[in-house]
Amino acid sequence: MNIYVASSWRSERQPELIQLLRRMGHDVYDFRNPSDGDNGFHWSEIDPEWQSWSPLQFRAALRHPIARDGYRKDMQALIDCDMCILVMPCGRSAHLEIGFASGAGKLTAILVEQEAEPELTYGMVGHVCVSLDELLELVRECSAI
């Protein structure tokens, strides 16, 4: 399967999951390394002071060519995926990605291994897995179909 892993740069589980899924034979998009020699998008490429932007600066930065290219890569991978997995904890982008995938009718799963605040709209996601083993078994079952 073609799998999109939606997570955070802060996630310690994301790199491990990418490698496990690839060893299982899946094509897995890694936003941290979208292609050889590409270390993913960073706001600091646009401006080292990005964390102090005003709302106007933030909006303008979304139109910057570097941001548009990063968005295009991630969005194309999301459009092309068969399955989207949200790895908690994560932030806003990952939640938008799983929402898009759910709305597009793709296979979806959330990996919640730690205590997390309940969220009613997670009901739109196909599967909520509470362990890595449970998630990997789900992927095995889905890829056998």
N, C-alpha and C. Protein backbone atom coordinates (compact mmCIF):
# COMPACT_ATOMS: atom_id res chain seq x y z
N MET A 1 0.84 -1.19 0.00
CA MET A 1 0.00 0.00 0.00
C MET A 1 0.87 1.25 0.00
N ASN A 2 0.28 2.31 -0.41
CA ASN A 2 0.90 3.63 -0.35
C ASN A 2 0.36 4.30 0.90
N ILE A 3 1.23 4.56 1.88
CA ILE A 3 0.79 5.04 3.20
C ILE A 3 1.37 6.42 3.49
N TYR A 4 0.51 7.30 3.97
CA TYR A 4 0.90 8.64 4.40
C TYR A 4 0.87 8.65 5.93
N VAL A 5 1.99 8.93 6.56
CA VAL A 5 2.05 9.02 8.01
C VAL A 5 2.01 10.50 8.39
N ALA A 6 0.90 10.89 9.02
CA ALA A 6 0.70 12.27 9.47
C ALA A 6 1.13 12.35 10.93
N SER A 7 2.07 13.23 11.22
CA SER A 7 2.55 13.34 12.59
C SER A 7 3.20 14.70 12.79
N SER A 8 4.15 14.73 13.68
CA SER A 8 4.82 15.97 14.05
C SER A 8 6.33 15.79 13.97
N TRP A 9 7.03 16.88 13.74
CA TRP A 9 8.50 16.85 13.80
C TRP A 9 8.95 16.43 15.19
N ARG A 10 8.11 16.66 16.19
CA ARG A 10 8.47 16.32 17.58
C ARG A 10 8.20 14.85 17.90
N SER A 11 7.54 14.14 17.02
CA SER A 11 7.18 12.74 17.29
C SER A 11 8.41 11.84 17.29
N GLU A 12 8.56 11.09 18.36
CA GLU A 12 9.64 10.11 18.43
C GLU A 12 9.25 8.81 17.74
N ARG A 13 7.96 8.54 17.61
CA ARG A 13 7.46 7.30 17.03
C ARG A 13 7.48 7.34 15.49
N GLN A 14 7.34 8.51 14.90
CA GLN A 14 7.20 8.63 13.44
C GLN A 14 8.33 7.97 12.66
N PRO A 15 9.61 8.24 12.96
CA PRO A 15 10.68 7.61 12.17
C PRO A 15 10.67 6.08 12.28
N GLU A 16 10.40 5.58 13.48
CA GLU A 16 10.34 4.12 13.68
C GLU A 16 9.20 3.52 12.86
N LEU A 17 8.04 4.15 12.88
CA LEU A 17 6.89 3.64 12.13
C LEU A 17 7.16 3.64 10.63
N ILE A 18 7.78 4.70 10.14
CA ILE A 18 8.13 4.78 8.72
C ILE A 18 8.97 3.56 8.34
N GLN A 19 10.00 3.28 9.12
CA GLN A 19 10.89 2.16 8.81
C GLN A 19 10.19 0.81 8.91
N LEU A 20 9.35 0.62 9.93
CA LEU A 20 8.62 -0.64 10.07
C LEU A 20 7.69 -0.87 8.88
N LEU A 21 6.97 0.15 8.48
CA LEU A 21 6.04 0.02 7.34
C LEU A 21 6.79 -0.26 6.05
N ARG A 22 7.94 0.38 5.87
CA ARG A 22 8.74 0.13 4.66
C ARG A 22 9.28 -1.30 4.66
N ARG A 23 9.71 -1.79 5.83
CA ARG A 23 10.18 -3.18 5.91
C ARG A 23 9.06 -4.17 5.60
N MET A 24 7.82 -3.77 5.84
CA MET A 24 6.67 -4.61 5.51
C MET A 24 6.37 -4.57 4.01
N GLY A 25 7.09 -3.71 3.26
CA GLY A 25 6.93 -3.64 1.81
C GLY A 25 6.05 -2.52 1.31
N HIS A 26 5.68 -1.60 2.19
CA HIS A 26 4.81 -0.50 1.79
C HIS A 26 5.61 0.71 1.32
N ASP A 27 5.00 1.48 0.45
CA ASP A 27 5.55 2.76 0.00
C ASP A 27 5.04 3.79 1.00
N VAL A 28 5.94 4.40 1.78
CA VAL A 28 5.54 5.28 2.87
C VAL A 28 6.12 6.67 2.66
N TYR A 29 5.24 7.67 2.67
CA TYR A 29 5.68 9.06 2.54
C TYR A 29 6.20 9.56 3.88
N ASP A 30 7.39 10.12 3.86
CA ASP A 30 8.03 10.67 5.05
C ASP A 30 8.21 12.17 4.84
N PHE A 31 7.38 12.96 5.50
CA PHE A 31 7.46 14.41 5.32
C PHE A 31 8.81 14.97 5.76
N ARG A 32 9.53 14.24 6.60
CA ARG A 32 10.85 14.70 7.04
C ARG A 32 11.90 14.50 5.96
N ASN A 33 11.66 13.54 5.08
CA ASN A 33 12.57 13.22 3.97
C ASN A 33 11.73 12.80 2.76
N PRO A 34 11.07 13.76 2.11
CA PRO A 34 10.16 13.41 1.01
C PRO A 34 10.84 12.72 -0.18
N SER A 35 12.10 13.02 -0.39
CA SER A 35 12.86 12.37 -1.47
C SER A 35 14.35 12.45 -1.13
N ASP A 36 15.15 11.73 -1.87
CA ASP A 36 16.59 11.74 -1.61
C ASP A 36 17.14 13.17 -1.61
N GLY A 37 17.86 13.51 -0.55
CA GLY A 37 18.48 14.84 -0.46
C GLY A 37 17.53 15.94 -0.02
N ASP A 38 16.26 15.62 0.21
CA ASP A 38 15.26 16.61 0.63
C ASP A 38 14.93 16.36 2.09
N ASN A 39 15.29 17.28 2.96
CA ASN A 39 15.05 17.14 4.40
C ASN A 39 13.75 17.78 4.85
N GLY A 40 12.79 17.87 3.95
CA GLY A 40 11.47 18.37 4.32
C GLY A 40 11.42 19.87 4.47
N PHE A 41 10.21 20.35 4.58
CA PHE A 41 9.95 21.79 4.70
C PHE A 41 10.16 22.27 6.13
N HIS A 42 10.78 23.44 6.25
CA HIS A 42 10.95 24.11 7.54
C HIS A 42 10.61 25.59 7.36
N TRP A 43 9.79 26.14 8.23
CA TRP A 43 9.48 27.57 8.14
C TRP A 43 10.74 28.42 8.22
N SER A 44 11.76 27.93 8.91
CA SER A 44 13.00 28.70 9.06
C SER A 44 13.72 28.91 7.73
N GLU A 45 13.38 28.13 6.71
CA GLU A 45 13.95 28.36 5.38
C GLU A 45 13.45 29.68 4.80
N ILE A 46 12.27 30.09 5.22
CA ILE A 46 11.69 31.35 4.75
C ILE A 46 12.18 32.51 5.60
N ASP A 47 12.22 32.27 6.93
CA ASP A 47 12.62 33.34 7.85
C ASP A 47 13.03 32.71 9.18
N PRO A 48 14.29 32.93 9.61
CA PRO A 48 14.73 32.37 10.90
C PRO A 48 13.89 32.86 12.09
N GLU A 49 13.20 33.97 11.93
CA GLU A 49 12.37 34.54 13.00
C GLU A 49 10.90 34.16 12.84
N TRP A 50 10.63 33.06 12.17
CA TRP A 50 9.25 32.66 11.85
C TRP A 50 8.35 32.52 13.09
N GLN A 51 8.88 32.19 14.23
CA GLN A 51 8.05 31.98 15.42
C GLN A 51 7.49 33.28 15.99
N SER A 52 7.99 34.41 15.52
CA SER A 52 7.48 35.70 16.01
C SER A 52 6.64 36.42 14.96
N TRP A 53 6.22 35.72 13.91
CA TRP A 53 5.42 36.34 12.86
C TRP A 53 4.07 36.83 13.36
N SER A 54 3.62 37.91 12.77
CA SER A 54 2.26 38.39 12.99
C SER A 54 1.33 37.54 12.10
N PRO A 55 0.03 37.63 12.32
CA PRO A 55 -0.88 36.92 11.43
C PRO A 55 -0.72 37.32 9.96
N LEU A 56 -0.44 38.58 9.70
CA LEU A 56 -0.23 39.03 8.32
C LEU A 56 1.02 38.39 7.71
N GLN A 57 2.09 38.30 8.49
CA GLN A 57 3.32 37.66 8.01
C GLN A 57 3.10 36.17 7.77
N PHE A 58 2.35 35.54 8.66
CA PHE A 58 2.05 34.12 8.50
C PHE A 58 1.29 33.88 7.21
N ARG A 59 0.26 34.70 6.97
CA ARG A 59 -0.54 34.55 5.75
C ARG A 59 0.32 34.77 4.51
N ALA A 60 1.17 35.77 4.53
CA ALA A 60 2.05 36.03 3.39
C ALA A 60 3.01 34.87 3.16
N ALA A 61 3.52 34.28 4.23
CA ALA A 61 4.48 33.18 4.10
C ALA A 61 3.87 31.96 3.44
N LEU A 62 2.57 31.76 3.60
CA LEU A 62 1.91 30.63 2.94
C LEU A 62 2.03 30.70 1.42
N ARG A 63 2.24 31.91 0.91
CA ARG A 63 2.38 32.10 -0.55
C ARG A 63 3.83 32.09 -1.02
N HIS A 64 4.77 31.99 -0.09
CA HIS A 64 6.19 31.96 -0.44
C HIS A 64 6.47 30.71 -1.28
N PRO A 65 7.32 30.80 -2.30
CA PRO A 65 7.59 29.62 -3.15
C PRO A 65 8.09 28.40 -2.39
N ILE A 66 8.86 28.60 -1.34
CA ILE A 66 9.35 27.45 -0.55
C ILE A 66 8.17 26.77 0.16
N ALA A 67 7.28 27.56 0.74
CA ALA A 67 6.10 27.01 1.41
C ALA A 67 5.18 26.33 0.40
N ARG A 68 4.98 26.94 -0.75
CA ARG A 68 4.11 26.35 -1.78
C ARG A 68 4.68 25.01 -2.25
N ASP A 69 5.99 24.92 -2.40
CA ASP A 69 6.61 23.67 -2.83
C ASP A 69 6.45 22.59 -1.76
N GLY A 70 6.67 22.93 -0.50
CA GLY A 70 6.49 21.97 0.59
C GLY A 70 5.05 21.49 0.67
N TYR A 71 4.11 22.41 0.52
CA TYR A 71 2.69 22.06 0.53
C TYR A 71 2.37 21.13 -0.63
N ARG A 72 2.87 21.44 -1.81
CA ARG A 72 2.59 20.64 -3.00
C ARG A 72 3.07 19.20 -2.81
N LYS A 73 4.27 19.03 -2.28
CA LYS A 73 4.81 17.68 -2.06
C LYS A 73 3.95 16.90 -1.08
N ASP A 74 3.65 17.51 0.06
CA ASP A 74 2.85 16.83 1.06
C ASP A 74 1.44 16.53 0.54
N MET A 75 0.84 17.49 -0.11
CA MET A 75 -0.54 17.31 -0.60
C MET A 75 -0.61 16.24 -1.68
N GLN A 76 0.37 16.21 -2.58
CA GLN A 76 0.36 15.19 -3.63
C GLN A 76 0.50 13.79 -3.02
N ALA A 77 1.35 13.68 -2.02
CA ALA A 77 1.51 12.39 -1.34
C ALA A 77 0.22 11.99 -0.63
N LEU A 78 -0.47 12.94 -0.07
CA LEU A 78 -1.74 12.67 0.61
C LEU A 78 -2.81 12.24 -0.40
N ILE A 79 -2.87 12.91 -1.52
CA ILE A 79 -3.82 12.56 -2.58
C ILE A 79 -3.54 11.15 -3.10
N ASP A 80 -2.27 10.80 -3.24
CA ASP A 80 -1.88 9.52 -3.82
C ASP A 80 -1.97 8.34 -2.85
N CYS A 81 -2.10 8.58 -1.55
CA CYS A 81 -2.03 7.48 -0.58
C CYS A 81 -3.29 6.62 -0.60
N ASP A 82 -3.10 5.37 -0.18
CA ASP A 82 -4.21 4.44 0.03
C ASP A 82 -4.69 4.52 1.48
N MET A 83 -3.76 4.82 2.37
CA MET A 83 -4.05 4.85 3.80
C MET A 83 -3.31 6.01 4.45
N CYS A 84 -3.98 6.64 5.41
CA CYS A 84 -3.36 7.72 6.18
C CYS A 84 -3.40 7.33 7.64
N ILE A 85 -2.25 7.43 8.30
CA ILE A 85 -2.12 7.10 9.71
C ILE A 85 -1.70 8.36 10.47
N LEU A 86 -2.50 8.74 11.45
CA LEU A 86 -2.17 9.87 12.32
C LEU A 86 -1.46 9.31 13.55
N VAL A 87 -0.25 9.80 13.83
CA VAL A 87 0.52 9.35 14.98
C VAL A 87 0.49 10.46 16.03
N MET A 88 -0.11 10.14 17.16
CA MET A 88 -0.21 11.09 18.26
C MET A 88 1.06 11.00 19.12
N PRO A 89 1.46 12.04 19.82
CA PRO A 89 0.90 13.38 19.75
C PRO A 89 1.36 14.09 18.48
N CYS A 90 0.53 14.99 18.04
CA CYS A 90 0.85 15.75 16.83
C CYS A 90 0.09 17.07 16.84
N GLY A 91 0.28 17.83 15.81
CA GLY A 91 -0.30 19.16 15.78
C GLY A 91 -1.38 19.36 14.74
N ARG A 92 -1.55 20.59 14.34
CA ARG A 92 -2.65 20.99 13.46
C ARG A 92 -2.55 20.40 12.07
N SER A 93 -1.36 20.42 11.48
CA SER A 93 -1.22 19.92 10.11
C SER A 93 -1.63 18.47 10.01
N ALA A 94 -1.16 17.65 10.94
CA ALA A 94 -1.49 16.23 10.90
C ALA A 94 -2.99 16.01 11.03
N HIS A 95 -3.65 16.82 11.83
CA HIS A 95 -5.09 16.68 11.99
C HIS A 95 -5.83 17.09 10.71
N LEU A 96 -5.34 18.11 10.04
CA LEU A 96 -5.93 18.47 8.74
C LEU A 96 -5.72 17.35 7.74
N GLU A 97 -4.55 16.73 7.76
CA GLU A 97 -4.24 15.65 6.82
C GLU A 97 -5.15 14.44 7.03
N ILE A 98 -5.34 14.01 8.27
CA ILE A 98 -6.21 12.86 8.52
C ILE A 98 -7.66 13.21 8.18
N GLY A 99 -8.06 14.45 8.43
CA GLY A 99 -9.41 14.89 8.06
C GLY A 99 -9.61 14.86 6.56
N PHE A 100 -8.61 15.32 5.81
CA PHE A 100 -8.69 15.27 4.34
C PHE A 100 -8.82 13.82 3.87
N ALA A 101 -7.95 12.95 4.42
CA ALA A 101 -7.95 11.55 4.01
C ALA A 101 -9.28 10.88 4.34
N SER A 102 -9.82 11.19 5.49
CA SER A 102 -11.11 10.63 5.87
C SER A 102 -12.20 11.09 4.91
N GLY A 103 -12.23 12.36 4.62
CA GLY A 103 -13.22 12.91 3.70
C GLY A 103 -13.08 12.38 2.28
N ALA A 104 -11.85 12.00 1.92
CA ALA A 104 -11.59 11.45 0.58
C ALA A 104 -11.90 9.96 0.52
N GLY A 105 -12.34 9.38 1.62
CA GLY A 105 -12.71 7.97 1.64
C GLY A 105 -11.54 7.00 1.72
N LYS A 106 -10.40 7.49 2.16
CA LYS A 106 -9.22 6.62 2.27
C LYS A 106 -9.28 5.82 3.58
N LEU A 107 -8.51 4.74 3.65
CA LEU A 107 -8.35 4.02 4.90
C LEU A 107 -7.66 4.96 5.88
N THR A 108 -8.15 5.01 7.11
CA THR A 108 -7.56 5.92 8.08
C THR A 108 -7.43 5.24 9.43
N ALA A 109 -6.39 5.63 10.15
CA ALA A 109 -6.15 5.12 11.50
C ALA A 109 -5.42 6.17 12.31
N ILE A 110 -5.67 6.14 13.60
CA ILE A 110 -4.97 7.00 14.55
C ILE A 110 -4.25 6.08 15.53
N LEU A 111 -2.98 6.38 15.78
CA LEU A 111 -2.21 5.66 16.80
C LEU A 111 -2.13 6.54 18.04
N VAL A 112 -2.80 6.10 19.11
CA VAL A 112 -2.82 6.82 20.38
C VAL A 112 -2.24 5.89 21.43
N GLU A 113 -0.97 6.06 21.75
CA GLU A 113 -0.31 5.18 22.72
C GLU A 113 -0.22 5.79 24.11
N GLN A 114 -0.38 7.09 24.20
CA GLN A 114 -0.27 7.79 25.47
C GLN A 114 -1.62 8.40 25.82
N GLU A 115 -1.77 8.79 27.07
CA GLU A 115 -3.00 9.47 27.46
C GLU A 115 -3.19 10.69 26.57
N ALA A 116 -4.43 10.87 26.12
CA ALA A 116 -4.74 12.01 25.26
C ALA A 116 -6.15 12.50 25.58
N GLU A 117 -6.35 13.78 25.38
CA GLU A 117 -7.69 14.34 25.60
C GLU A 117 -8.63 13.72 24.57
N PRO A 118 -9.79 13.21 24.99
CA PRO A 118 -10.73 12.63 24.04
C PRO A 118 -11.18 13.66 23.00
N GLU A 119 -11.44 13.19 21.80
CA GLU A 119 -11.88 14.07 20.71
C GLU A 119 -13.01 13.37 19.96
N LEU A 120 -14.18 13.96 19.98
CA LEU A 120 -15.37 13.36 19.38
C LEU A 120 -15.22 13.16 17.87
N THR A 121 -14.58 14.09 17.18
CA THR A 121 -14.48 13.97 15.72
C THR A 121 -13.52 12.87 15.27
N TYR A 122 -12.79 12.25 16.20
CA TYR A 122 -11.99 11.08 15.82
C TYR A 122 -12.90 9.95 15.38
N GLY A 123 -14.19 10.08 15.64
CA GLY A 123 -15.16 9.11 15.17
C GLY A 123 -15.23 9.02 13.66
N MET A 124 -14.73 10.03 12.93
CA MET A 124 -14.73 9.97 11.47
C MET A 124 -13.61 9.09 10.92
N VAL A 125 -12.66 8.75 11.78
CA VAL A 125 -11.51 7.95 11.37
C VAL A 125 -11.87 6.47 11.49
N GLY A 126 -11.41 5.68 10.54
CA GLY A 126 -11.77 4.27 10.49
C GLY A 126 -11.36 3.45 11.70
N HIS A 127 -10.16 3.70 12.22
CA HIS A 127 -9.63 2.87 13.30
C HIS A 127 -8.83 3.74 14.28
N VAL A 128 -9.01 3.47 15.55
CA VAL A 128 -8.19 4.09 16.59
C VAL A 128 -7.43 2.95 17.26
N CYS A 129 -6.12 2.94 17.06
CA CYS A 129 -5.25 1.89 17.60
C CYS A 129 -4.54 2.41 18.84
N VAL A 130 -4.43 1.57 19.86
CA VAL A 130 -3.82 2.01 21.11
C VAL A 130 -2.43 1.42 21.34
N SER A 131 -1.93 0.68 20.34
CA SER A 131 -0.56 0.17 20.43
C SER A 131 0.01 0.04 19.02
N LEU A 132 1.32 0.04 18.95
CA LEU A 132 1.98 -0.13 17.67
C LEU A 132 1.65 -1.49 17.08
N ASP A 133 1.63 -2.53 17.91
CA ASP A 133 1.29 -3.87 17.42
C ASP A 133 -0.11 -3.91 16.80
N GLU A 134 -1.06 -3.25 17.46
CA GLU A 134 -2.43 -3.21 16.92
C GLU A 134 -2.46 -2.50 15.57
N LEU A 135 -1.73 -1.40 15.45
CA LEU A 135 -1.68 -0.68 14.18
C LEU A 135 -1.05 -1.52 13.09
N LEU A 136 0.06 -2.17 13.38
CA LEU A 136 0.73 -2.99 12.37
C LEU A 136 -0.14 -4.17 11.93
N GLU A 137 -0.89 -4.74 12.84
CA GLU A 137 -1.82 -5.82 12.48
C GLU A 137 -2.92 -5.28 11.56
N LEU A 138 -3.42 -4.09 11.85
CA LEU A 138 -4.42 -3.46 10.99
C LEU A 138 -3.85 -3.26 9.58
N VAL A 139 -2.63 -2.76 9.49
CA VAL A 139 -2.01 -2.55 8.18
C VAL A 139 -1.87 -3.87 7.44
N ARG A 140 -1.46 -4.91 8.15
CA ARG A 140 -1.35 -6.25 7.53
C ARG A 140 -2.70 -6.70 6.98
N GLU A 141 -3.75 -6.55 7.78
CA GLU A 141 -5.08 -6.95 7.35
C GLU A 141 -5.56 -6.14 6.14
N CYS A 142 -5.35 -4.84 6.18
CA CYS A 142 -5.80 -3.97 5.09
C CYS A 142 -5.03 -4.23 3.80
N SER A 143 -3.75 -4.56 3.91
CA SER A 143 -2.95 -4.77 2.71
C SER A 143 -3.21 -6.13 2.09
N ALA A 144 -3.83 -7.02 2.87
CA ALA A 144 -4.16 -8.36 2.35
C ALA A 144 -5.45 -8.37 1.55
N ILE A 145 -6.20 -7.30 1.65
CA ILE A 145 -7.51 -7.22 0.96
C ILE A 145 -7.32 -6.98 -0.53
